[in-house]
Amino acid sequence: MKKKILNALSYIAISSSLLAIGCIKEDTNYAIGENNPETSLYVVRNIFQGSDVTLNADLLTNAMYTKGVVVSDYTGKNLPANHIAVQNVWRNQQRGILIEVDDVAKYNFGDSIRINLNGAKLSTQTGSLTLKGIKQSDITIINTGNTVVSRPVAISVLQNKFGDYESTFIDITADLEVEPAPGTPIRGTKTLMDQDSLKIDLYTSDQASFADEVVAPSATFRGIAYSDGEKRQLRLQNYAGMAYPSGKIYPGWPETFETNNNKDGYANANRLLKTGTWYFQQSLLGVTAGRDRIVSGDTAVRFQQGLSTDALLQMNFDVPDGASKVTLWYGSYYTDNSCTFTLESSTDGGINWQQIGDPITDAHRTSESLNSKQAVFLMDIEGPVRFRINKKGIGANTNSNPNGRLGMDDISIFKGY
């Protein structure tokens, strides 16, 4: 409200103001504003404290609605009947929830919907936190066909922060703990295990439309993070959710680049690591947390910037049984520009090298995200093979010619499949 500055000597002005005060309507305090009628799933989930609760205006600070995108596929039949999974983002916090609905076929993967929360019940009766009592008239489809990208997540992160991922669309790159015999169907519970022997269940209902499809020994498994009581599961939504199928990871991999031999800087040098000897050319092992792209352990590879010659990270040894897949984690060092790098293979002991897949140019700054991206390369190579990362020497690092420092960690090689 505006305040008038009164001159104490202006008796007439003061008197006029006093006479008129009864006729003046109080100013609206626009700084207070109105409550937002919509809230996030982050807020909704935080209301639940372990027992069923019915939502109302007081609990929601007068908000009555939430919006989200549908990330379940009802045709896959791998969630409880008449349930959909919805997720949204608030202040970079993505959260999901299950919703019990009257007609599941009305809501397709990628639909954007608005949900009236008034009177809905939050419950964990089915395991995952669920909105119950939502009528069809409480849901409005805003638009359809939205692109939904799964979030890569490590099993260790899921174990520690499962609630942050529950009912959201994620992917896990892992092996089946027990290598399946050829032709084994995906139905039932299969245990996924990462390189640290951490585990989570891959569950496929007998009623799932893809239950009889063949499961791969290793893949990037995409689906909904689901709680079944105390059990933590990943539930694919269709068979395409088993992406990048391959043989199992080689024993002793991924290479995590942990070593005490870290004194050569950017000098060209061989370093003995747990998987074998690697050649570092204009690359080093960085230890700066928050700047180097450290995925596990205390170190990660860092490639030099602004070069006109290639920087390399190269195996000086072969893996013996071919390769069906290579994965790695990457991002720009600190706030550097992106760059261009490729994966290359050699089947003649490192004499000749062939590029695999397309160049990668989307390394991101730590100011955009501290989480590294995962690159997945598929191939069908028989017999002994070795690999290298080639950061291209495209010249000076400028905004128009991005060639910043590159960070990389946890390279995995998967056997032929």
Protein backbone atom coordinates (compact mmCIF):
# COMPACT_ATOMS: atom_id res chain seq x y z
CA MET A 1 0.00 0.00 0.00
CA LYS A 2 1.30 3.43 -0.88
CA LYS A 3 2.11 5.64 2.11
CA LYS A 4 1.52 9.38 2.03
CA ILE A 5 4.23 11.58 3.50
CA LEU A 6 2.45 14.22 5.55
CA ASN A 7 3.82 17.61 6.37
CA ALA A 8 3.11 18.20 10.09
CA LEU A 9 2.64 21.92 9.42
CA SER A 10 -0.06 21.33 6.79
CA TYR A 11 -3.04 21.44 9.15
CA ILE A 12 -5.57 21.89 6.39
CA ALA A 13 -4.27 18.88 4.45
CA ILE A 14 -4.34 16.73 7.58
CA SER A 15 -7.85 17.78 8.40
CA SER A 16 -9.01 17.03 4.87
CA SER A 17 -7.45 13.59 5.05
CA LEU A 18 -9.15 12.81 8.36
CA LEU A 19 -12.53 13.87 7.00
CA ALA A 20 -12.13 11.75 3.92
CA ILE A 21 -10.70 8.60 5.51
CA GLY A 22 -14.05 7.00 6.13
CA CYS A 23 -14.82 7.15 2.41
CA ILE A 24 -11.59 5.55 1.14
CA LYS A 25 -11.61 1.83 0.31
CA GLU A 26 -8.54 0.04 1.68
CA ASP A 27 -5.94 -0.65 -1.02
CA THR A 28 -5.46 -4.24 -2.13
CA ASN A 29 -2.09 -5.64 -1.06
CA TYR A 30 -0.97 -7.06 -4.36
CA ALA A 31 2.31 -8.25 -2.83
CA ILE A 32 0.39 -11.00 -1.04
CA GLY A 33 -1.24 -12.23 -4.27
CA GLU A 34 -3.45 -15.29 -4.72
CA ASN A 35 -2.55 -18.91 -4.02
CA ASN A 36 -1.60 -20.97 -7.05
CA PRO A 37 -4.49 -23.35 -7.83
CA GLU A 38 -1.99 -26.00 -8.99
CA THR A 39 0.62 -27.92 -7.04
CA SER A 40 3.35 -30.40 -7.91
CA LEU A 41 3.66 -34.10 -7.26
CA TYR A 42 6.71 -33.25 -5.17
CA VAL A 43 4.41 -31.38 -2.78
CA VAL A 44 1.68 -34.04 -2.95
CA ARG A 45 4.10 -36.86 -2.10
CA ASN A 46 5.48 -34.90 0.86
CA ILE A 47 2.00 -34.70 2.41
CA PHE A 48 1.97 -38.47 2.89
CA GLN A 49 3.46 -39.42 6.27
CA GLY A 50 2.93 -43.17 6.32
CA SER A 51 -0.84 -43.55 6.68
CA ASP A 52 -3.75 -42.88 4.34
CA VAL A 53 -4.69 -39.22 4.03
CA THR A 54 -7.54 -37.47 2.20
CA LEU A 55 -6.45 -34.33 0.36
CA ASN A 56 -8.22 -31.03 0.90
CA ALA A 57 -7.64 -27.31 0.41
CA ASP A 58 -5.95 -26.88 3.79
CA LEU A 59 -3.38 -29.62 3.15
CA LEU A 60 -2.73 -28.31 -0.37
CA THR A 61 -2.53 -24.61 0.63
CA ASN A 62 -5.70 -23.99 -1.38
CA ALA A 63 -4.29 -25.71 -4.47
CA MET A 64 -6.81 -28.06 -6.05
CA TYR A 65 -5.04 -29.45 -9.12
CA THR A 66 -1.84 -31.02 -10.35
CA LYS A 67 -0.58 -31.64 -13.88
CA GLY A 68 1.60 -34.40 -15.23
CA VAL A 69 2.47 -36.59 -18.17
CA VAL A 70 1.40 -40.23 -18.38
CA VAL A 71 4.47 -42.51 -18.40
CA SER A 72 2.71 -45.89 -18.30
CA ASP A 73 1.48 -47.96 -21.26
CA TYR A 74 -1.80 -49.69 -20.44
CA THR A 75 -1.41 -52.04 -23.42
CA GLY A 76 1.59 -53.64 -21.71
CA LYS A 77 -0.52 -54.74 -18.72
CA ASN A 78 2.44 -54.65 -16.34
CA LEU A 79 1.02 -52.37 -13.65
CA PRO A 80 -1.89 -53.19 -11.32
CA ALA A 81 -5.21 -53.12 -13.19
CA ASN A 82 -6.77 -49.66 -13.62
CA HIS A 83 -3.61 -47.79 -12.58
CA ILE A 84 -1.58 -45.27 -14.54
CA ALA A 85 1.76 -43.67 -13.68
CA VAL A 86 2.13 -39.90 -13.97
CA GLN A 87 5.17 -37.68 -13.42
CA ASN A 88 5.96 -33.96 -13.38
CA VAL A 89 8.84 -31.61 -12.57
CA TRP A 90 8.94 -28.80 -10.00
CA ARG A 91 12.10 -26.76 -9.42
CA ASN A 92 14.17 -29.47 -11.14
CA GLN A 93 12.65 -32.11 -8.85
CA GLN A 94 10.95 -34.85 -10.87
CA ARG A 95 8.44 -36.98 -9.01
CA GLY A 96 5.83 -39.55 -9.97
CA ILE A 97 2.72 -41.17 -8.57
CA LEU A 98 0.23 -43.91 -9.45
CA ILE A 99 -3.41 -42.96 -10.04
CA GLU A 100 -6.29 -45.40 -9.77
CA VAL A 101 -8.66 -44.62 -12.66
CA ASP A 102 -12.05 -45.81 -13.91
CA ASP A 103 -10.97 -46.54 -17.49
CA VAL A 104 -7.24 -47.02 -17.98
CA ALA A 105 -7.59 -47.18 -21.79
CA LYS A 106 -8.40 -43.46 -21.91
CA TYR A 107 -4.84 -42.49 -20.94
CA ASN A 108 -1.94 -43.14 -23.26
CA PHE A 109 1.80 -42.86 -22.79
CA GLY A 110 2.75 -39.21 -23.39
CA ASP A 111 -0.67 -37.71 -22.57
CA SER A 112 -0.51 -34.49 -20.55
CA ILE A 113 -3.31 -34.45 -17.97
CA ARG A 114 -4.75 -32.21 -15.24
CA ILE A 115 -6.06 -33.88 -12.08
CA ASN A 116 -8.51 -32.50 -9.53
CA LEU A 117 -7.07 -33.52 -6.16
CA ASN A 118 -9.89 -32.41 -3.88
CA GLY A 119 -11.13 -35.43 -1.92
CA ALA A 120 -8.55 -37.83 -3.38
CA LYS A 121 -6.90 -40.27 -0.99
CA LEU A 122 -3.15 -40.89 -0.78
CA SER A 123 -2.47 -44.54 0.00
CA THR A 124 0.28 -47.15 -0.25
CA GLN A 125 -2.15 -50.05 -0.20
CA THR A 126 -0.76 -51.41 -3.48
CA GLY A 127 2.86 -50.68 -2.52
CA SER A 128 3.63 -47.52 -4.50
CA LEU A 129 2.10 -44.26 -3.33
CA THR A 130 -1.25 -43.98 -5.12
CA LEU A 131 -4.01 -41.40 -5.62
CA LYS A 132 -7.35 -43.11 -5.07
CA GLY A 133 -10.90 -41.85 -5.47
CA ILE A 134 -10.13 -39.98 -8.70
CA LYS A 135 -13.20 -40.00 -10.95
CA GLN A 136 -13.02 -39.77 -14.71
CA SER A 137 -14.52 -36.28 -14.47
CA ASP A 138 -11.57 -35.27 -12.27
CA ILE A 139 -9.07 -35.80 -15.11
CA THR A 140 -8.71 -33.55 -18.13
CA ILE A 141 -6.50 -34.52 -21.06
CA ILE A 142 -4.62 -31.35 -22.05
CA ASN A 143 -2.73 -32.72 -25.06
CA THR A 144 -1.31 -35.99 -26.37
CA GLY A 145 1.82 -37.44 -27.92
CA ASN A 146 4.36 -35.69 -25.71
CA THR A 147 7.92 -36.99 -25.87
CA VAL A 148 8.98 -38.70 -22.65
CA VAL A 149 12.65 -39.51 -22.07
CA SER A 150 13.65 -42.03 -19.43
CA ARG A 151 16.10 -40.99 -16.70
CA PRO A 152 19.21 -43.19 -16.44
CA VAL A 153 19.76 -44.15 -12.81
CA ALA A 154 22.23 -46.38 -11.01
CA ILE A 155 20.93 -49.16 -8.79
CA SER A 156 22.85 -47.65 -5.87
CA VAL A 157 20.94 -44.38 -6.27
CA LEU A 158 17.63 -46.23 -6.44
CA GLN A 159 18.42 -48.08 -3.25
CA ASN A 160 19.24 -44.87 -1.40
CA LYS A 161 16.55 -42.56 -2.82
CA PHE A 162 13.83 -44.78 -4.21
CA GLY A 163 11.04 -42.36 -3.30
CA ASP A 164 12.57 -39.77 -5.62
CA TYR A 165 12.13 -42.16 -8.55
CA GLU A 166 9.04 -44.16 -7.62
CA SER A 167 6.41 -44.19 -10.41
CA THR A 168 8.69 -42.25 -12.78
CA PHE A 169 10.06 -43.44 -16.14
CA ILE A 170 13.65 -44.58 -15.63
CA ASP A 171 16.25 -46.83 -17.20
CA ILE A 172 18.85 -49.11 -15.68
CA THR A 173 21.75 -50.60 -17.65
CA ALA A 174 22.56 -53.91 -15.98
CA ASP A 175 23.02 -57.65 -16.36
CA LEU A 176 20.69 -60.38 -15.25
CA GLU A 177 22.30 -61.90 -12.16
CA VAL A 178 21.77 -65.38 -13.58
CA GLU A 179 22.60 -65.57 -17.29
CA PRO A 180 19.45 -66.87 -19.00
CA ALA A 181 19.44 -69.85 -21.29
CA PRO A 182 18.68 -68.94 -24.92
CA GLY A 183 14.94 -68.41 -25.41
CA THR A 184 14.16 -67.73 -21.73
CA PRO A 185 10.96 -65.64 -21.50
CA ILE A 186 11.00 -62.31 -19.66
CA ARG A 187 8.00 -63.20 -17.44
CA GLY A 188 8.35 -63.35 -13.67
CA THR A 189 11.07 -61.87 -11.48
CA LYS A 190 14.59 -61.53 -12.87
CA THR A 191 17.29 -59.97 -10.69
CA LEU A 192 19.29 -57.16 -12.27
CA MET A 193 22.84 -56.68 -10.97
CA ASP A 194 25.35 -53.92 -11.64
CA GLN A 195 29.16 -53.96 -11.53
CA ASP A 196 29.11 -53.42 -7.76
CA SER A 197 26.85 -56.46 -7.27
CA LEU A 198 23.94 -54.19 -6.28
CA LYS A 199 20.57 -55.63 -7.22
CA ILE A 200 16.98 -54.73 -8.08
CA ASP A 201 14.13 -56.88 -9.40
CA LEU A 202 12.94 -56.73 -13.00
CA TYR A 203 9.31 -57.85 -12.75
CA THR A 204 7.02 -58.88 -15.59
CA SER A 205 3.51 -60.06 -14.79
CA ASP A 206 2.21 -63.30 -16.31
CA GLN A 207 -0.60 -61.13 -17.73
CA ALA A 208 1.81 -58.69 -19.42
CA SER A 209 1.34 -58.53 -23.18
CA PHE A 210 5.07 -59.24 -23.68
CA ALA A 211 5.50 -61.90 -20.96
CA ASP A 212 6.53 -64.60 -23.46
CA GLU A 213 9.17 -62.51 -25.23
CA VAL A 214 12.83 -63.50 -24.79
CA VAL A 215 14.93 -61.76 -22.14
CA ALA A 216 18.50 -60.67 -22.95
CA PRO A 217 21.47 -61.33 -20.63
CA SER A 218 22.07 -57.57 -20.44
CA ALA A 219 20.26 -54.45 -21.62
CA THR A 220 19.16 -50.96 -20.78
CA PHE A 221 15.85 -51.73 -19.10
CA ARG A 222 13.30 -48.87 -19.31
CA GLY A 223 10.16 -48.75 -17.25
CA ILE A 224 8.41 -47.63 -14.08
CA ALA A 225 10.11 -47.73 -10.68
CA TYR A 226 7.59 -49.62 -8.56
CA SER A 227 7.20 -50.61 -4.90
CA ASP A 228 5.62 -53.97 -4.13
CA GLY A 229 5.51 -53.79 -0.35
CA GLU A 230 9.16 -53.73 0.69
CA LYS A 231 10.31 -54.99 -2.71
CA ARG A 232 11.78 -52.51 -5.17
CA GLN A 233 11.08 -53.29 -8.80
CA LEU A 234 11.49 -52.03 -12.32
CA ARG A 235 8.42 -52.81 -14.44
CA LEU A 236 8.82 -52.49 -18.20
CA GLN A 237 5.79 -51.04 -20.00
CA ASN A 238 6.36 -52.89 -23.26
CA TYR A 239 8.96 -55.15 -24.85
CA ALA A 240 10.71 -52.17 -26.43
CA GLY A 241 11.63 -51.22 -22.87
CA MET A 242 14.40 -53.82 -23.07
CA ALA A 243 16.66 -51.53 -25.10
CA TYR A 244 20.17 -52.22 -26.39
CA PRO A 245 20.15 -55.98 -25.62
CA SER A 246 23.59 -57.53 -25.44
CA GLY A 247 25.77 -60.15 -23.86
CA LYS A 248 26.84 -59.79 -20.25
CA ILE A 249 29.46 -57.30 -19.16
CA TYR A 250 33.02 -58.63 -19.09
CA PRO A 251 34.20 -59.64 -15.61
CA GLY A 252 36.12 -56.84 -13.91
CA TRP A 253 34.39 -54.10 -15.88
CA PRO A 254 33.49 -51.25 -15.94
CA GLU A 255 36.85 -49.57 -15.95
CA THR A 256 36.46 -46.92 -13.22
CA PHE A 257 39.89 -45.28 -13.66
CA GLU A 258 40.99 -45.55 -10.04
CA THR A 259 44.79 -45.62 -9.70
CA ASN A 260 47.67 -44.14 -7.72
CA ASN A 261 49.57 -43.54 -10.96
CA ASN A 262 48.23 -40.06 -11.55
CA LYS A 263 51.30 -37.85 -11.85
CA ASP A 264 51.73 -37.33 -15.58
CA GLY A 265 49.21 -34.54 -16.21
CA TYR A 266 48.34 -34.19 -19.88
CA ALA A 267 51.60 -35.84 -20.91
CA ASN A 268 51.20 -38.82 -23.24
CA ALA A 269 51.61 -41.89 -21.01
CA ASN A 270 50.57 -45.49 -20.36
CA ARG A 271 48.76 -46.19 -17.11
CA LEU A 272 48.08 -49.59 -15.57
CA LEU A 273 44.45 -49.76 -14.46
CA LYS A 274 42.35 -52.64 -13.14
CA THR A 275 41.31 -53.88 -16.61
CA GLY A 276 44.76 -53.51 -18.20
CA THR A 277 47.12 -50.87 -19.56
CA TRP A 278 45.58 -47.77 -21.15
CA TYR A 279 47.28 -45.11 -23.24
CA PHE A 280 46.45 -41.51 -22.32
CA GLN A 281 47.16 -38.89 -25.03
CA GLN A 282 46.35 -35.31 -24.00
CA SER A 283 44.12 -36.79 -21.29
CA LEU A 284 44.57 -37.32 -17.57
CA LEU A 285 42.87 -38.58 -14.42
CA GLY A 286 41.05 -35.72 -12.73
CA VAL A 287 40.12 -35.65 -9.05
CA THR A 288 38.19 -32.38 -8.74
CA ALA A 289 34.75 -33.19 -7.38
CA GLY A 290 31.99 -31.07 -8.91
CA ARG A 291 34.14 -30.36 -11.99
CA ASP A 292 35.45 -33.72 -13.19
CA ARG A 293 32.72 -36.14 -14.26
CA ILE A 294 33.27 -38.62 -11.44
CA VAL A 295 30.61 -41.33 -11.56
CA SER A 296 32.25 -43.78 -9.15
CA GLY A 297 35.31 -43.67 -6.94
CA ASP A 298 37.45 -40.54 -6.72
CA THR A 299 38.72 -39.99 -10.25
CA ALA A 300 37.54 -39.62 -13.84
CA VAL A 301 39.21 -39.05 -17.19
CA ARG A 302 39.62 -35.47 -18.37
CA PHE A 303 40.57 -34.59 -21.98
CA GLN A 304 42.40 -31.38 -22.90
CA GLN A 305 40.63 -28.52 -24.68
CA GLY A 306 41.31 -26.44 -27.77
CA LEU A 307 43.60 -28.91 -29.54
CA SER A 308 44.13 -29.23 -33.29
CA THR A 309 45.22 -32.86 -32.83
CA ASP A 310 43.16 -35.68 -31.38
CA ALA A 311 43.17 -36.53 -27.67
CA LEU A 312 42.93 -40.26 -26.96
CA LEU A 313 42.01 -42.74 -24.25
CA GLN A 314 43.05 -46.09 -25.70
CA MET A 315 43.14 -49.72 -24.59
CA ASN A 316 46.52 -51.41 -25.09
CA PHE A 317 44.89 -54.83 -24.75
CA ASP A 318 41.99 -56.84 -26.22
CA VAL A 319 38.89 -58.35 -24.68
CA PRO A 320 38.74 -61.93 -26.02
CA ASP A 321 35.13 -62.79 -26.83
CA GLY A 322 33.96 -60.03 -29.14
CA ALA A 323 31.64 -57.18 -28.18
CA SER A 324 27.96 -56.39 -28.53
CA LYS A 325 27.85 -53.11 -26.60
CA VAL A 326 29.98 -50.39 -25.02
CA THR A 327 28.64 -47.86 -22.52
CA LEU A 328 30.25 -44.86 -20.88
CA TRP A 329 29.32 -41.75 -18.85
CA TYR A 330 30.33 -38.28 -20.03
CA GLY A 331 29.88 -34.54 -19.74
CA SER A 332 31.83 -31.31 -20.11
CA TYR A 333 34.42 -30.53 -17.48
CA TYR A 334 33.01 -27.85 -15.15
CA THR A 335 31.50 -25.02 -17.25
CA ASP A 336 33.45 -25.73 -20.46
CA ASN A 337 31.92 -25.80 -23.91
CA SER A 338 30.96 -29.11 -25.43
CA CYS A 339 33.22 -30.94 -27.88
CA THR A 340 33.18 -33.82 -30.37
CA PHE A 341 34.25 -37.38 -29.59
CA THR A 342 33.86 -40.84 -31.11
CA LEU A 343 34.23 -44.46 -30.07
CA GLU A 344 36.60 -46.49 -32.23
CA SER A 345 37.46 -50.20 -32.35
CA SER A 346 40.41 -52.25 -33.54
CA THR A 347 40.41 -55.98 -34.29
CA ASP A 348 44.09 -56.14 -35.38
CA GLY A 349 45.86 -55.22 -32.15
CA GLY A 350 45.57 -51.46 -32.52
CA ILE A 351 47.01 -51.08 -36.03
CA ASN A 352 43.79 -49.88 -37.66
CA TRP A 353 40.79 -48.22 -36.05
CA GLN A 354 37.16 -47.98 -37.17
CA GLN A 355 34.56 -45.52 -35.87
CA ILE A 356 31.46 -47.02 -34.23
CA GLY A 357 28.22 -45.10 -34.42
CA ASP A 358 27.89 -41.35 -34.76
CA PRO A 359 30.10 -38.66 -33.20
CA ILE A 360 28.79 -37.32 -29.87
CA THR A 361 28.58 -33.54 -29.51
CA ASP A 362 26.19 -32.91 -26.61
CA ALA A 363 28.44 -32.95 -23.54
CA HIS A 364 26.81 -30.62 -21.01
CA ARG A 365 28.17 -28.23 -18.38
CA THR A 366 28.00 -28.94 -14.65
CA SER A 367 25.90 -25.77 -14.38
CA GLU A 368 23.26 -27.58 -16.45
CA SER A 369 23.51 -30.82 -14.48
CA LEU A 370 26.02 -32.52 -12.21
CA ASN A 371 24.70 -35.87 -13.47
CA SER A 372 26.64 -37.35 -16.35
CA LYS A 373 24.98 -38.60 -19.53
CA GLN A 374 25.28 -42.20 -20.63
CA ALA A 375 26.31 -43.10 -24.16
CA VAL A 376 25.43 -46.56 -25.49
CA PHE A 377 27.11 -48.01 -28.60
CA LEU A 378 25.81 -51.22 -30.17
CA MET A 379 27.91 -53.50 -32.38
CA ASP A 380 28.38 -57.10 -33.44
CA ILE A 381 32.10 -57.82 -33.25
CA GLU A 382 33.46 -61.35 -33.07
CA GLY A 383 36.84 -62.29 -31.69
CA PRO A 384 39.41 -60.16 -29.85
CA VAL A 385 38.78 -56.41 -29.94
CA ARG A 386 39.98 -53.24 -28.22
CA PHE A 387 38.49 -49.74 -28.07
CA ARG A 388 39.48 -46.12 -27.71
CA ILE A 389 37.84 -42.75 -27.19
CA ASN A 390 38.90 -40.14 -29.72
CA LYS A 391 38.22 -36.52 -28.74
CA LYS A 392 38.53 -34.77 -32.07
CA GLY A 393 41.13 -32.05 -32.53
CA ILE A 394 38.88 -29.47 -34.17
CA GLY A 395 40.92 -26.45 -33.12
CA ALA A 396 40.59 -23.54 -30.73
CA ASN A 397 37.73 -23.66 -28.26
CA THR A 398 35.21 -20.94 -29.15
CA ASN A 399 31.44 -20.59 -28.91
CA SER A 400 31.18 -21.13 -32.66
CA ASN A 401 33.66 -24.05 -32.54
CA PRO A 402 33.09 -25.73 -29.16
CA ASN A 403 36.12 -27.77 -28.12
CA GLY A 404 36.16 -27.66 -24.32
CA ARG A 405 37.51 -30.16 -21.83
CA LEU A 406 35.64 -33.46 -21.76
CA GLY A 407 34.98 -35.58 -18.67
CA MET A 408 34.37 -39.33 -18.79
CA ASP A 409 34.08 -42.26 -16.39
CA ASP A 410 32.98 -45.89 -16.01
CA ILE A 411 33.48 -47.49 -19.44
CA SER A 412 31.86 -50.92 -19.82
CA ILE A 413 32.32 -53.56 -22.52
CA PHE A 414 29.77 -56.34 -23.06
CA LYS A 415 30.50 -59.74 -24.59
CA GLY A 416 29.26 -60.79 -28.01
CA TYR A 417 25.60 -61.77 -28.08
